[in-house]
Amino acid sequence: MPEPKEQVFSYIEEHRDEMVRFLQRLVRIDTQVPPGLNYEVICDALAEKFTEL
């Protein structure tokens, strides 16, 4: 059985494209000042991902 570190690296490699797409989606959401701008949009994006996990 692979060590935990190897398992993590393997998971990252296998899901790299998916993770990059998710991060691209997050950084496209304009959450600059004033605080709260697009707050619901970023929360929805994160909630969707957390639900998948």
Protein backbone atom coordinates (compact mmCIF):
# COMPACT_ATOMS: atom_id res chain seq x y z
CA MET A 1 0.00 0.00 0.00
CA PRO A 2 1.40 3.40 -0.93
CA GLU A 3 2.34 5.84 1.79
CA PRO A 4 -0.11 8.68 2.50
CA LYS A 5 2.18 11.23 0.86
CA GLU A 6 2.29 9.17 -2.33
CA GLN A 7 -1.50 8.77 -2.24
CA VAL A 8 -1.94 12.54 -1.99
CA PHE A 9 0.41 13.20 -4.90
CA SER A 10 -1.31 10.51 -6.95
CA TYR A 11 -4.74 12.02 -6.25
CA ILE A 12 -3.52 15.48 -7.21
CA GLU A 13 -2.08 14.19 -10.47
CA GLU A 14 -5.25 12.28 -11.33
CA HIS A 15 -7.50 15.28 -10.60
CA ARG A 16 -5.22 18.08 -11.74
CA ASP A 17 -7.41 19.33 -14.61
CA GLU A 18 -10.53 19.33 -12.45
CA MET A 19 -8.76 21.25 -9.67
CA VAL A 20 -7.36 23.81 -12.11
CA ARG A 21 -10.82 24.40 -13.60
CA PHE A 22 -12.28 24.87 -10.12
CA LEU A 23 -9.56 27.33 -9.10
CA GLN A 24 -9.99 29.24 -12.36
CA ARG A 25 -13.70 29.49 -11.63
CA LEU A 26 -12.99 30.84 -8.14
CA VAL A 27 -10.49 33.50 -9.19
CA ARG A 28 -12.88 34.74 -11.88
CA ILE A 29 -15.41 35.71 -9.21
CA ASP A 30 -15.00 39.39 -8.41
CA THR A 31 -14.80 39.49 -4.61
CA GLN A 32 -12.94 42.76 -4.22
CA VAL A 33 -13.93 45.61 -1.95
CA PRO A 34 -16.56 46.53 -0.80
CA PRO A 35 -16.81 43.49 1.41
CA GLY A 36 -19.69 41.28 0.47
CA LEU A 37 -19.51 41.90 -3.27
CA ASN A 38 -20.47 38.58 -4.92
CA TYR A 39 -20.35 36.90 -1.52
CA GLU A 40 -23.22 34.57 -2.42
CA VAL A 41 -21.58 33.63 -5.72
CA ILE A 42 -18.33 32.53 -4.07
CA CYS A 43 -20.23 30.75 -1.28
CA ASP A 44 -22.31 28.84 -3.82
CA ALA A 45 -19.20 27.78 -5.75
CA LEU A 46 -17.49 26.58 -2.59
CA ALA A 47 -20.62 24.85 -1.25
CA GLU A 48 -21.01 22.98 -4.52
CA LYS A 49 -17.43 21.70 -4.32
CA PHE A 50 -17.66 20.82 -0.62
CA THR A 51 -20.85 18.86 -1.30
CA GLU A 52 -18.99 16.83 -3.94
CA LEU A 53 -16.31 15.96 -1.40
